[in-house]
Every structure is written in C-alpha cells, then in structure tokens.
C-alpha atoms as a PDB file:
ATOM      1  CA  MET A   1     102.671 107.734  90.186  1.00  0.00           C
ATOM      2  CA  ALA A   2      99.170 106.773  89.081  1.00  0.00           C
ATOM      3  CA  ASN A   3      96.158 107.582  91.204  1.00  0.00           C
ATOM      4  CA  LYS A   4      95.891 105.431  94.299  1.00  0.00           C
ATOM      5  CA  SER A   5      92.889 103.190  94.663  1.00  0.00           C
ATOM      6  CA  PHE A   6      90.146 103.935  97.173  1.00  0.00           C
ATOM      7  CA  PHE A   7      91.307 100.894  99.178  1.00  0.00           C
ATOM      8  CA  ARG A   8      94.943 101.980  99.314  1.00  0.00           C
ATOM      9  CA  ARG A   9      94.025 105.566 100.299  1.00  0.00           C
ATOM     10  CA  MET A  10      91.749 104.338 103.101  1.00  0.00           C
ATOM     11  CA  ALA A  11      94.367 101.957 104.505  1.00  0.00           C
ATOM     12  CA  GLU A  12      97.058 104.652 104.312  1.00  0.00           C
ATOM     13  CA  GLU A  13      94.814 107.234 106.004  1.00  0.00           C
ATOM     14  CA  LYS A  14      94.190 104.770 108.842  1.00  0.00           C
ATOM     15  CA  GLY A  15      97.921 103.975 109.128  1.00  0.00           C
ATOM     16  CA  LEU A  16      97.385 100.298 108.367  1.00  0.00           C
ATOM     17  CA  MET A  17      99.617  99.616 105.360  1.00  0.00           C
ATOM     18  CA  ASN A  18     102.433  97.948 107.293  1.00  0.00           C
ATOM     19  CA  GLU A  19     100.224  96.073 109.738  1.00  0.00           C
ATOM     20  CA  GLU A  20     101.154  92.406 109.793  1.00  0.00           C
ATOM     21  CA  ILE A  21      98.618  89.618 109.442  1.00  0.00           C
ATOM     22  CA  THR A  22      99.457  86.097 110.582  1.00  0.00           C
ATOM     23  CA  VAL A  23      97.184  83.239 109.548  1.00  0.00           C
ATOM     24  CA  THR A  24      97.681  79.630 110.573  1.00  0.00           C
ATOM     25  CA  PHE A  25      95.761  77.230 108.370  1.00  0.00           C
ATOM     26  CA  GLN A  26      96.135  73.458 108.246  1.00  0.00           C
ATOM     27  CA  GLY A  27      99.283  73.618 110.346  1.00  0.00           C
ATOM     28  CA  VAL A  28     101.026  76.162 108.098  1.00  0.00           C
ATOM     29  CA  THR A  29     101.595  79.738 109.216  1.00  0.00           C
ATOM     30  CA  HIS A  30     101.266  82.434 106.556  1.00  0.00           C
ATOM     31  CA  PHE A  31     102.478  86.016 106.928  1.00  0.00           C
ATOM     32  CA  MET A  32     101.186  88.997 105.004  1.00  0.00           C
ATOM     33  CA  THR A  33     100.699  92.719 105.440  1.00  0.00           C
ATOM     34  CA  THR A  34      97.717  94.960 104.877  1.00  0.00           C
ATOM     35  CA  GLU A  35      99.477  96.111 101.713  1.00  0.00           C
ATOM     36  CA  ASN A  36      99.433  92.519 100.421  1.00  0.00           C
ATOM     37  CA  VAL A  37      95.678  92.336 101.028  1.00  0.00           C
ATOM     38  CA  ILE A  38      95.146  95.698  99.314  1.00  0.00           C
ATOM     39  CA  ASP A  39      97.112  94.393  96.307  1.00  0.00           C
ATOM     40  CA  LEU A  40      94.764  91.385  96.157  1.00  0.00           C
ATOM     41  CA  ILE A  41      91.687  93.619  96.396  1.00  0.00           C
ATOM     42  CA  GLU A  42      92.990  95.772  93.538  1.00  0.00           C
ATOM     43  CA  GLN A  43      93.313  92.631  91.384  1.00  0.00           C
ATOM     44  CA  ALA A  44      89.843  91.310  92.262  1.00  0.00           C
ATOM     45  CA  PRO A  45      86.937  91.466  89.804  1.00  0.00           C
ATOM     46  CA  LYS A  46      84.980  94.733  89.780  1.00  0.00           C
ATOM     47  CA  HIS A  47      81.881  93.256  91.448  1.00  0.00           C
ATOM     48  CA  GLU A  48      84.008  92.085  94.385  1.00  0.00           C
ATOM     49  CA  GLN A  49      85.768  95.452  94.585  1.00  0.00           C
ATOM     50  CA  ASP A  50      82.367  97.171  94.643  1.00  0.00           C
ATOM     51  CA  HIS A  51      81.237  95.036  97.581  1.00  0.00           C
ATOM     52  CA  ILE A  52      84.494  95.560  99.481  1.00  0.00           C
ATOM     53  CA  LYS A  53      84.334  99.320  98.826  1.00  0.00           C
ATOM     54  CA  LYS A  54      80.812  99.450 100.257  1.00  0.00           C
ATOM     55  CA  THR A  55      81.949  97.551 103.345  1.00  0.00           C
ATOM     56  CA  PHE A  56      85.026  99.780 103.783  1.00  0.00           C
ATOM     57  CA  SER A  57      82.737 102.826 103.594  1.00  0.00           C
ATOM     58  CA  GLN A  58      80.256 101.417 106.104  1.00  0.00           C
ATOM     59  CA  ILE A  59      83.021 100.581 108.576  1.00  0.00           C
ATOM     60  CA  ASP A  60      84.504 104.056 108.191  1.00  0.00           C
ATOM     61  CA  TYR A  61      81.105 105.761 108.582  1.00  0.00           C
ATOM     62  CA  LEU A  62      80.489 103.851 111.815  1.00  0.00           C
ATOM     63  CA  ASN A  63      84.017 104.620 113.084  1.00  0.00           C
ATOM     64  CA  GLY A  64      84.794 100.913 113.084  1.00  0.00           C
ATOM     65  CA  ASP A  65      88.194  99.279 112.940  1.00  0.00           C
ATOM     66  CA  LEU A  66      89.025  98.690 109.285  1.00  0.00           C
ATOM     67  CA  SER A  67      91.933  96.436 110.253  1.00  0.00           C
ATOM     68  CA  HIS A  68      89.479  93.728 111.421  1.00  0.00           C
ATOM     69  CA  TYR A  69      87.861  93.546 107.976  1.00  0.00           C
ATOM     70  CA  ILE A  70      91.232  93.591 106.195  1.00  0.00           C
ATOM     71  CA  ARG A  71      92.399  90.751 108.460  1.00  0.00           C
ATOM     72  CA  PHE A  72      89.184  88.845 107.641  1.00  0.00           C
ATOM     73  CA  LEU A  73      89.860  89.263 103.909  1.00  0.00           C
ATOM     74  CA  GLY A  74      93.477  88.098 104.323  1.00  0.00           C
ATOM     75  CA  GLU A  75      92.368  85.037 106.285  1.00  0.00           C
ATOM     76  CA  ALA A  76      89.739  84.213 103.671  1.00  0.00           C
ATOM     77  CA  PHE A  77      92.321  84.460 100.885  1.00  0.00           C
ATOM     78  CA  ILE A  78      94.639  82.028 102.674  1.00  0.00           C
ATOM     79  CA  LYS A  79      91.860  79.562 103.502  1.00  0.00           C
ATOM     80  CA  PHE A  80      90.501  79.486  99.946  1.00  0.00           C
ATOM     81  CA  ASN A  81      93.849  79.364  98.159  1.00  0.00           C
ATOM     82  CA  TYR A  82      96.047  77.061 100.254  1.00  0.00           C
END
C-alpha cells in the first residue's frame, strides 16, 4: 500500500477513522465518517491541504480534540455542497 497521508495517519493514531458524523442541513440528515472527511481532504487543492495540516498540527500540539475540527470540516462540506 502507498504511503498514508499525514491526515490519515493522524486520524488513525487518534482512533478517529470510524467516528460517525451526522449533519442535518436544510431538513436533510447526512451521515459520514472521519474517513470520508479524510478522503475529501486528500482530494483538496494543495493550498487547502497545507492550511488543514497546519491546523491539525496546532490542535495536536495543544492536546486538543482533533475530532471537533474534523467534524467542522465535514459540516462545512455538507453546507457548501448540498
């Protein structure tokens, strides 16, 4: 298997890959997992990946909860695409 991305390694190390995210937007409920969000991050343009990587690193350095930021990204994806 190819090298895992920084994002995937971080989420796996934190045990977040199978965490479920539920977003209700405009009366429709959407379900996704952290892995779905990581897939979207890996497909994002490099400048967006760079920003997300910096934020992941800052959260980790401060012993924050990475799942909150991943949930935020999942919610933003739903709200801007549906």
